[in-house]
């Protein structure tokens, strides 16, 4: 019973991930779970092949968009801090 309360107590404090560029890789497991849950709720009939294909397409499209936005924001910050 003591182990149960120990596991429950871990949910009361946020996990410290950090602010390094490597910590941004935690975005991908979260994005994968969001893509799976979104497609599972939006598809009327789930066939394994079609479901996996749509999840991968959604995962990749959101990933590419987020990476492009991060690069664009990095360029904007570089422009304002270094050029101006």
PDB file of N, CA and C in Angstrom:
ATOM      1  N   UNK A   1       0.823  -1.190   0.000  1.00  0.00           N
ATOM      2  CA  UNK A   1       0.000   0.000   0.000  1.00  0.00           C
ATOM      3  C   UNK A   1       0.868   1.255   0.000  1.00  0.00           C
ATOM      4  N   UNK A   2       2.032   1.154   0.621  1.00  0.00           N
ATOM      5  CA  UNK A   2       2.939   2.284   0.680  1.00  0.00           C
ATOM      6  C   UNK A   2       3.436   2.664  -0.715  1.00  0.00           C
ATOM      7  N   UNK A   3       3.661   1.672  -1.583  1.00  0.00           N
ATOM      8  CA  UNK A   3       4.102   1.938  -2.953  1.00  0.00           C
ATOM      9  C   UNK A   3       3.027   2.689  -3.735  1.00  0.00           C
ATOM     10  N   UNK A   4       1.774   2.353  -3.479  1.00  0.00           N
ATOM     11  CA  UNK A   4       0.664   3.023  -4.152  1.00  0.00           C
ATOM     12  C   UNK A   4       0.679   4.516  -3.847  1.00  0.00           C
ATOM     13  N   UNK A   5       0.825   4.872  -2.597  1.00  0.00           N
ATOM     14  CA  UNK A   5       0.845   6.279  -2.216  1.00  0.00           C
ATOM     15  C   UNK A   5       2.094   6.980  -2.734  1.00  0.00           C
ATOM     16  N   UNK A   6       3.180   6.250  -2.843  1.00  0.00           N
ATOM     17  CA  UNK A   6       4.411   6.823  -3.406  1.00  0.00           C
ATOM     18  C   UNK A   6       4.216   7.182  -4.873  1.00  0.00           C
ATOM     19  N   UNK A   7       3.551   6.307  -5.624  1.00  0.00           N
ATOM     20  CA  UNK A   7       3.281   6.588  -7.040  1.00  0.00           C
ATOM     21  C   UNK A   7       2.307   7.750  -7.177  1.00  0.00           C
ATOM     22  N   UNK A   8       1.275   7.769  -6.369  1.00  0.00           N
ATOM     23  CA  UNK A   8       0.287   8.857  -6.413  1.00  0.00           C
ATOM     24  C   UNK A   8       0.935  10.186  -6.037  1.00  0.00           C
ATOM     25  N   UNK A   9       1.858  10.179  -5.093  1.00  0.00           N
ATOM     26  CA  UNK A   9       2.507  11.415  -4.656  1.00  0.00           C
ATOM     27  C   UNK A   9       3.362  12.015  -5.764  1.00  0.00           C
ATOM     28  N   UNK A  10       3.846  11.216  -6.684  1.00  0.00           N
ATOM     29  CA  UNK A  10       4.668  11.746  -7.778  1.00  0.00           C
ATOM     30  C   UNK A  10       3.877  12.620  -8.740  1.00  0.00           C
ATOM     31  N   UNK A  11       2.565  12.468  -8.764  1.00  0.00           N
ATOM     32  CA  UNK A  11       1.732  13.283  -9.639  1.00  0.00           C
ATOM     33  C   UNK A  11       1.445  14.669  -9.055  1.00  0.00           C
ATOM     34  N   UNK A  12       1.852  14.935  -7.839  1.00  0.00           N
ATOM     35  CA  UNK A  12       1.573  16.227  -7.227  1.00  0.00           C
ATOM     36  C   UNK A  12       2.617  17.275  -7.562  1.00  0.00           C
ATOM     37  N   UNK A  13       3.781  16.852  -8.051  1.00  0.00           N
ATOM     38  CA  UNK A  13       4.849  17.792  -8.395  1.00  0.00           C
ATOM     39  C   UNK A  13       5.183  17.630  -9.878  1.00  0.00           C
ATOM     40  N   UNK A  14       5.364  18.725 -10.594  1.00  0.00           N
ATOM     41  CA  UNK A  14       5.685  18.619 -12.018  1.00  0.00           C
ATOM     42  C   UNK A  14       7.085  18.054 -12.236  1.00  0.00           C
ATOM     43  N   UNK A  15       7.252  17.392 -13.351  1.00  0.00           N
ATOM     44  CA  UNK A  15       8.555  16.836 -13.716  1.00  0.00           C
ATOM     45  C   UNK A  15       9.427  17.946 -14.273  1.00  0.00           C
ATOM     46  N   UNK A  16      10.656  18.030 -13.821  1.00  0.00           N
ATOM     47  CA  UNK A  16      11.587  19.038 -14.308  1.00  0.00           C
ATOM     48  C   UNK A  16      12.255  18.514 -15.575  1.00  0.00           C
ATOM     49  N   UNK A  17      11.943  19.104 -16.712  1.00  0.00           N
ATOM     50  CA  UNK A  17      12.487  18.652 -17.987  1.00  0.00           C
ATOM     51  C   UNK A  17      13.703  19.480 -18.371  1.00  0.00           C
ATOM     52  N   UNK A  18      13.711  20.750 -18.059  1.00  0.00           N
ATOM     53  CA  UNK A  18      14.842  21.601 -18.414  1.00  0.00           C
ATOM     54  C   UNK A  18      14.537  22.438 -19.643  1.00  0.00           C
ATOM     55  N   UNK A  19      15.494  23.259 -20.001  1.00  0.00           N
ATOM     56  CA  UNK A  19      15.292  24.166 -21.140  1.00  0.00           C
ATOM     57  C   UNK A  19      16.393  24.025 -22.171  1.00  0.00           C
ATOM     58  N   UNK A  20      16.976  22.863 -22.280  1.00  0.00           N
ATOM     59  CA  UNK A  20      18.007  22.645 -23.287  1.00  0.00           C
ATOM     60  C   UNK A  20      17.356  22.312 -24.621  1.00  0.00           C
ATOM     61  N   UNK A  21      18.078  22.505 -25.722  1.00  0.00           N
ATOM     62  CA  UNK A  21      17.500  22.116 -27.022  1.00  0.00           C
ATOM     63  C   UNK A  21      17.159  20.629 -27.081  1.00  0.00           C
ATOM     64  N   UNK A  22      17.904  19.802 -26.369  1.00  0.00           N
ATOM     65  CA  UNK A  22      17.616  18.375 -26.356  1.00  0.00           C
ATOM     66  C   UNK A  22      16.292  18.068 -25.661  1.00  0.00           C
ATOM     67  N   UNK A  23      15.879  18.918 -24.733  1.00  0.00           N
ATOM     68  CA  UNK A  23      14.623  18.682 -24.029  1.00  0.00           C
ATOM     69  C   UNK A  23      13.412  18.882 -24.937  1.00  0.00           C
ATOM     70  N   UNK A  24      13.585  19.535 -26.078  1.00  0.00           N
ATOM     71  CA  UNK A  24      12.478  19.689 -27.014  1.00  0.00           C
ATOM     72  C   UNK A  24      12.074  18.370 -27.651  1.00  0.00           C
ATOM     73  N   UNK A  25      12.926  17.356 -27.537  1.00  0.00           N
ATOM     74  CA  UNK A  25      12.571  16.047 -28.081  1.00  0.00           C
ATOM     75  C   UNK A  25      11.425  15.394 -27.317  1.00  0.00           C
ATOM     76  N   UNK A  26      11.122  15.881 -26.106  1.00  0.00           N
ATOM     77  CA  UNK A  26       9.967  15.379 -25.362  1.00  0.00           C
ATOM     78  C   UNK A  26       8.663  15.742 -26.060  1.00  0.00           C
ATOM     79  N   UNK A  27       8.727  16.627 -27.047  1.00  0.00           N
ATOM     80  CA  UNK A  27       7.534  17.006 -27.800  1.00  0.00           C
ATOM     81  C   UNK A  27       7.010  15.826 -28.614  1.00  0.00           C
ATOM     82  N   UNK A  28       7.888  14.965 -29.110  1.00  0.00           N
ATOM     83  CA  UNK A  28       7.474  13.929 -30.040  1.00  0.00           C
ATOM     84  C   UNK A  28       6.647  12.802 -29.411  1.00  0.00           C
ATOM     85  N   UNK A  29       6.969  12.289 -28.226  1.00  0.00           N
ATOM     86  CA  UNK A  29       6.051  11.300 -27.637  1.00  0.00           C
ATOM     87  C   UNK A  29       4.669  11.892 -27.324  1.00  0.00           C
ATOM     88  N   UNK A  30       4.654  13.121 -26.860  1.00  0.00           N
ATOM     89  CA  UNK A  30       3.375  13.777 -26.597  1.00  0.00           C
ATOM     90  C   UNK A  30       2.598  13.975 -27.889  1.00  0.00           C
ATOM     91  N   UNK A  31       3.277  14.392 -28.927  1.00  0.00           N
ATOM     92  CA  UNK A  31       2.636  14.591 -30.221  1.00  0.00           C
ATOM     93  C   UNK A  31       2.125  13.268 -30.786  1.00  0.00           C
ATOM     94  N   UNK A  32       2.864  12.192 -30.587  1.00  0.00           N
ATOM     95  CA  UNK A  32       2.412  10.878 -31.047  1.00  0.00           C
ATOM     96  C   UNK A  32       1.138  10.438 -30.350  1.00  0.00           C
ATOM     97  N   UNK A  33       1.077  10.646 -29.049  1.00  0.00           N
ATOM     98  CA  UNK A  33      -0.135  10.263 -28.322  1.00  0.00           C
ATOM     99  C   UNK A  33      -1.318  11.132 -28.713  1.00  0.00           C
ATOM    100  N   UNK A  34      -1.084  12.410 -28.969  1.00  0.00           N
ATOM    101  CA  UNK A  34      -2.166  13.292 -29.420  1.00  0.00           C
ATOM    102  C   UNK A  34      -2.673  12.851 -30.784  1.00  0.00           C
ATOM    103  N   UNK A  35      -1.770  12.475 -31.689  1.00  0.00           N
ATOM    104  CA  UNK A  35      -2.180  12.039 -33.026  1.00  0.00           C
ATOM    105  C   UNK A  35      -2.994  10.751 -32.951  1.00  0.00           C
ATOM    106  N   UNK A  36      -2.585   9.809 -32.122  1.00  0.00           N
ATOM    107  CA  UNK A  36      -3.322   8.545 -31.992  1.00  0.00           C
ATOM    108  C   UNK A  36      -4.707   8.789 -31.416  1.00  0.00           C
ATOM    109  N   UNK A  37      -4.793   9.575 -30.356  1.00  0.00           N
ATOM    110  CA  UNK A  37      -6.085   9.815 -29.715  1.00  0.00           C
ATOM    111  C   UNK A  37      -7.000  10.620 -30.635  1.00  0.00           C
ATOM    112  N   UNK A  38      -6.458  11.611 -31.326  1.00  0.00           N
ATOM    113  CA  UNK A  38      -7.283  12.418 -32.223  1.00  0.00           C
ATOM    114  C   UNK A  38      -7.864  11.564 -33.338  1.00  0.00           C
ATOM    115  N   UNK A  39      -7.015  10.742 -33.964  1.00  0.00           N
ATOM    116  CA  UNK A  39      -7.510   9.909 -35.062  1.00  0.00           C
ATOM    117  C   UNK A  39      -8.462   8.833 -34.561  1.00  0.00           C
ATOM    118  N   UNK A  40      -8.240   8.316 -33.354  1.00  0.00           N
ATOM    119  CA  UNK A  40      -9.138   7.301 -32.812  1.00  0.00           C
ATOM    120  C   UNK A  40     -10.522   7.868 -32.542  1.00  0.00           C
ATOM    121  N   UNK A  41     -10.594   9.146 -32.205  1.00  0.00           N
ATOM    122  CA  UNK A  41     -11.907   9.736 -31.941  1.00  0.00           C
ATOM    123  C   UNK A  41     -12.581  10.261 -33.199  1.00  0.00           C
ATOM    124  N   UNK A  42     -11.812  10.540 -34.248  1.00  0.00           N
ATOM    125  CA  UNK A  42     -12.405  11.126 -35.456  1.00  0.00           C
ATOM    126  C   UNK A  42     -12.781  10.108 -36.526  1.00  0.00           C
ATOM    127  N   UNK A  43     -12.160   8.927 -36.523  1.00  0.00           N
ATOM    128  CA  UNK A  43     -12.469   7.918 -37.529  1.00  0.00           C
ATOM    129  C   UNK A  43     -13.702   7.131 -37.099  1.00  0.00           C
ATOM    130  N   UNK A  44     -14.658   6.967 -38.032  1.00  0.00           N
ATOM    131  CA  UNK A  44     -15.871   6.213 -37.703  1.00  0.00           C
ATOM    132  C   UNK A  44     -15.578   4.720 -37.587  1.00  0.00           C
ATOM    133  N   UNK A  45     -14.842   4.198 -38.578  1.00  0.00           N
ATOM    134  CA  UNK A  45     -14.464   2.786 -38.574  1.00  0.00           C
ATOM    135  C   UNK A  45     -12.950   2.723 -38.629  1.00  0.00           C
ATOM    136  N   UNK A  46     -12.347   1.956 -37.739  1.00  0.00           N
ATOM    137  CA  UNK A  46     -10.886   1.904 -37.662  1.00  0.00           C
ATOM    138  C   UNK A  46     -10.387   0.604 -38.280  1.00  0.00           C
ATOM    139  N   UNK A  47      -9.671   0.751 -39.391  1.00  0.00           N
ATOM    140  CA  UNK A  47      -8.920  -0.347 -39.982  1.00  0.00           C
ATOM    141  C   UNK A  47      -7.453  -0.092 -39.665  1.00  0.00           C
ATOM    142  N   UNK A  48      -6.744  -1.135 -39.323  1.00  0.00           N
ATOM    143  CA  UNK A  48      -5.384  -0.975 -38.808  1.00  0.00           C
ATOM    144  C   UNK A  48      -4.480  -0.223 -39.767  1.00  0.00           C
ATOM    145  N   UNK A  49      -4.458  -0.630 -41.034  1.00  0.00           N
ATOM    146  CA  UNK A  49      -3.565   0.007 -42.004  1.00  0.00           C
ATOM    147  C   UNK A  49      -3.889   1.467 -42.227  1.00  0.00           C
ATOM    148  N   UNK A  50      -5.165   1.760 -42.438  1.00  0.00           N
ATOM    149  CA  UNK A  50      -5.577   3.140 -42.675  1.00  0.00           C
ATOM    150  C   UNK A  50      -5.357   3.996 -41.429  1.00  0.00           C
ATOM    151  N   UNK A  51      -5.655   3.423 -40.265  1.00  0.00           N
ATOM    152  CA  UNK A  51      -5.471   4.154 -39.020  1.00  0.00           C
ATOM    153  C   UNK A  51      -4.004   4.527 -38.812  1.00  0.00           C
ATOM    154  N   UNK A  52      -3.116   3.560 -38.970  1.00  0.00           N
ATOM    155  CA  UNK A  52      -1.687   3.837 -38.788  1.00  0.00           C
ATOM    156  C   UNK A  52      -1.171   4.848 -39.806  1.00  0.00           C
ATOM    157  N   UNK A  53      -1.629   4.735 -41.041  1.00  0.00           N
ATOM    158  CA  UNK A  53      -1.209   5.676 -42.078  1.00  0.00           C
ATOM    159  C   UNK A  53      -1.664   7.096 -41.736  1.00  0.00           C
ATOM    160  N   UNK A  54      -2.891   7.255 -41.308  1.00  0.00           N
ATOM    161  CA  UNK A  54      -3.387   8.592 -40.972  1.00  0.00           C
ATOM    162  C   UNK A  54      -2.713   9.153 -39.726  1.00  0.00           C
ATOM    163  N   UNK A  55      -2.405   8.300 -38.755  1.00  0.00           N
ATOM    164  CA  UNK A  55      -1.696   8.760 -37.562  1.00  0.00           C
ATOM    165  C   UNK A  55      -0.300   9.238 -37.937  1.00  0.00           C
ATOM    166  N   UNK A  56       0.390   8.486 -38.791  1.00  0.00           N
ATOM    167  CA  UNK A  56       1.747   8.874 -39.198  1.00  0.00           C
ATOM    168  C   UNK A  56       1.714  10.169 -39.990  1.00  0.00           C
ATOM    169  N   UNK A  57       0.745  10.323 -40.887  1.00  0.00           N
ATOM    170  CA  UNK A  57       0.645  11.561 -41.664  1.00  0.00           C
ATOM    171  C   UNK A  57       0.363  12.751 -40.750  1.00  0.00           C
ATOM    172  N   UNK A  58      -0.543  12.592 -39.799  1.00  0.00           N
ATOM    173  CA  UNK A  58      -0.837  13.681 -38.868  1.00  0.00           C
ATOM    174  C   UNK A  58       0.374  13.999 -38.002  1.00  0.00           C
ATOM    175  N   UNK A  59       1.043  12.968 -37.499  1.00  0.00           N
ATOM    176  CA  UNK A  59       2.241  13.156 -36.675  1.00  0.00           C
ATOM    177  C   UNK A  59       3.320  13.913 -37.448  1.00  0.00           C
ATOM    178  N   UNK A  60       3.581  13.485 -38.683  1.00  0.00           N
ATOM    179  CA  UNK A  60       4.629  14.130 -39.475  1.00  0.00           C
ATOM    180  C   UNK A  60       4.253  15.553 -39.871  1.00  0.00           C
ATOM    181  N   UNK A  61       3.004  15.783 -40.229  1.00  0.00           N
ATOM    182  CA  UNK A  61       2.617  17.129 -40.641  1.00  0.00           C
ATOM    183  C   UNK A  61       2.695  18.112 -39.478  1.00  0.00           C
ATOM    184  N   UNK A  62       2.249  17.712 -38.298  1.00  0.00           N
ATOM    185  CA  UNK A  62       2.348  18.597 -37.137  1.00  0.00           C
ATOM    186  C   UNK A  62       3.804  18.783 -36.734  1.00  0.00           C
ATOM    187  N   UNK A  63       4.603  17.706 -36.805  1.00  0.00           N
ATOM    188  CA  UNK A  63       6.021  17.807 -36.461  1.00  0.00           C
ATOM    189  C   UNK A  63       6.753  18.769 -37.382  1.00  0.00           C
ATOM    190  N   UNK A  64       6.510  18.640 -38.687  1.00  0.00           N
ATOM    191  CA  UNK A  64       7.166  19.532 -39.644  1.00  0.00           C
ATOM    192  C   UNK A  64       6.737  20.972 -39.407  1.00  0.00           C
ATOM    193  N   UNK A  65       5.455  21.190 -39.160  1.00  0.00           N
ATOM    194  CA  UNK A  65       4.968  22.541 -38.903  1.00  0.00           C
ATOM    195  C   UNK A  65       5.618  23.130 -37.651  1.00  0.00           C
ATOM    196  N   UNK A  66       5.718  22.333 -36.588  1.00  0.00           N
ATOM    197  CA  UNK A  66       6.313  22.838 -35.349  1.00  0.00           C
ATOM    198  C   UNK A  66       7.800  23.128 -35.516  1.00  0.00           C
ATOM    199  N   UNK A  67       8.502  22.302 -36.271  1.00  0.00           N
ATOM    200  CA  UNK A  67       9.922  22.546 -36.516  1.00  0.00           C
ATOM    201  C   UNK A  67      10.099  23.810 -37.357  1.00  0.00           C
ATOM    202  N   UNK A  68       9.253  23.992 -38.371  1.00  0.00           N
ATOM    203  CA  UNK A  68       9.343  25.204 -39.196  1.00  0.00           C
ATOM    204  C   UNK A  68       9.045  26.462 -38.382  1.00  0.00           C
ATOM    205  N   UNK A  69       8.073  26.389 -37.505  1.00  0.00           N
ATOM    206  CA  UNK A  69       7.763  27.537 -36.641  1.00  0.00           C
ATOM    207  C   UNK A  69       8.931  27.817 -35.700  1.00  0.00           C
ATOM    208  N   UNK A  70       9.549  26.776 -35.160  1.00  0.00           N
ATOM    209  CA  UNK A  70      10.693  26.971 -34.270  1.00  0.00           C
ATOM    210  C   UNK A  70      11.858  27.616 -35.018  1.00  0.00           C
ATOM    211  N   UNK A  71      12.111  27.178 -36.239  1.00  0.00           N
ATOM    212  CA  UNK A  71      13.189  27.774 -37.034  1.00  0.00           C
ATOM    213  C   UNK A  71      12.863  29.229 -37.356  1.00  0.00           C
ATOM    214  N   UNK A  72      11.626  29.507 -37.731  1.00  0.00           N
ATOM    215  CA  UNK A  72      11.231  30.884 -38.044  1.00  0.00           C
ATOM    216  C   UNK A  72      11.371  31.786 -36.815  1.00  0.00           C
ATOM    217  N   UNK A  73      10.947  31.305 -35.658  1.00  0.00           N
ATOM    218  CA  UNK A  73      11.086  32.102 -34.447  1.00  0.00           C
ATOM    219  C   UNK A  73      12.549  32.307 -34.078  1.00  0.00           C
ATOM    220  N   UNK A  74      13.364  31.304 -34.300  1.00  0.00           N
ATOM    221  CA  UNK A  74      14.797  31.441 -34.035  1.00  0.00           C
ATOM    222  C   UNK A  74      15.415  32.507 -34.949  1.00  0.00           C
ATOM    223  N   UNK A  75      15.024  32.513 -36.200  1.00  0.00           N
ATOM    224  CA  UNK A  75      15.537  33.515 -37.147  1.00  0.00           C
ATOM    225  C   UNK A  75      15.073  34.911 -36.746  1.00  0.00           C
ATOM    226  N   UNK A  76      13.827  35.047 -36.328  1.00  0.00           N
ATOM    227  CA  UNK A  76      13.310  36.347 -35.910  1.00  0.00           C
ATOM    228  C   UNK A  76      14.067  36.855 -34.690  1.00  0.00           C
ATOM    229  N   UNK A  77      14.285  35.983 -33.702  1.00  0.00           N
ATOM    230  CA  UNK A  77      15.023  36.385 -32.507  1.00  0.00           C
ATOM    231  C   UNK A  77      16.455  36.739 -32.864  1.00  0.00           C
ATOM    232  N   UNK A  78      17.088  35.958 -33.730  1.00  0.00           N
ATOM    233  CA  UNK A  78      18.461  36.259 -34.170  1.00  0.00           C
ATOM    234  C   UNK A  78      18.514  37.615 -34.864  1.00  0.00           C
ATOM    235  N   UNK A  79      17.534  37.895 -35.700  1.00  0.00           N
ATOM    236  CA  UNK A  79      17.503  39.174 -36.421  1.00  0.00           C
ATOM    237  C   UNK A  79      17.428  40.347 -35.465  1.00  0.00           C
ATOM    238  N   UNK A  80      16.531  40.253 -34.466  1.00  0.00           N
ATOM    239  CA  UNK A  80      16.365  41.365 -33.538  1.00  0.00           C
ATOM    240  C   UNK A  80      17.502  41.499 -32.545  1.00  0.00           C
ATOM    241  N   UNK A  81      18.179  40.415 -32.220  1.00  0.00           N
ATOM    242  CA  UNK A  81      19.258  40.497 -31.229  1.00  0.00           C
ATOM    243  C   UNK A  81      20.629  40.778 -31.856  1.00  0.00           C
ATOM    244  N   UNK A  82      20.859  40.304 -33.050  1.00  0.00           N
ATOM    245  CA  UNK A  82      22.180  40.440 -33.664  1.00  0.00           C
ATOM    246  C   UNK A  82      22.230  41.554 -34.721  1.00  0.00           C
ATOM    247  N   UNK A  83      21.229  41.668 -35.531  1.00  0.00           N
ATOM    248  CA  UNK A  83      21.259  42.613 -36.651  1.00  0.00           C
ATOM    249  C   UNK A  83      20.879  44.010 -36.209  1.00  0.00           C
ATOM    250  N   UNK A  84      19.836  44.117 -35.434  1.00  0.00           N
ATOM    251  CA  UNK A  84      19.342  45.445 -35.040  1.00  0.00           C
ATOM    252  C   UNK A  84      20.055  45.911 -33.785  1.00  0.00           C
TER     253      UNK A  84
END
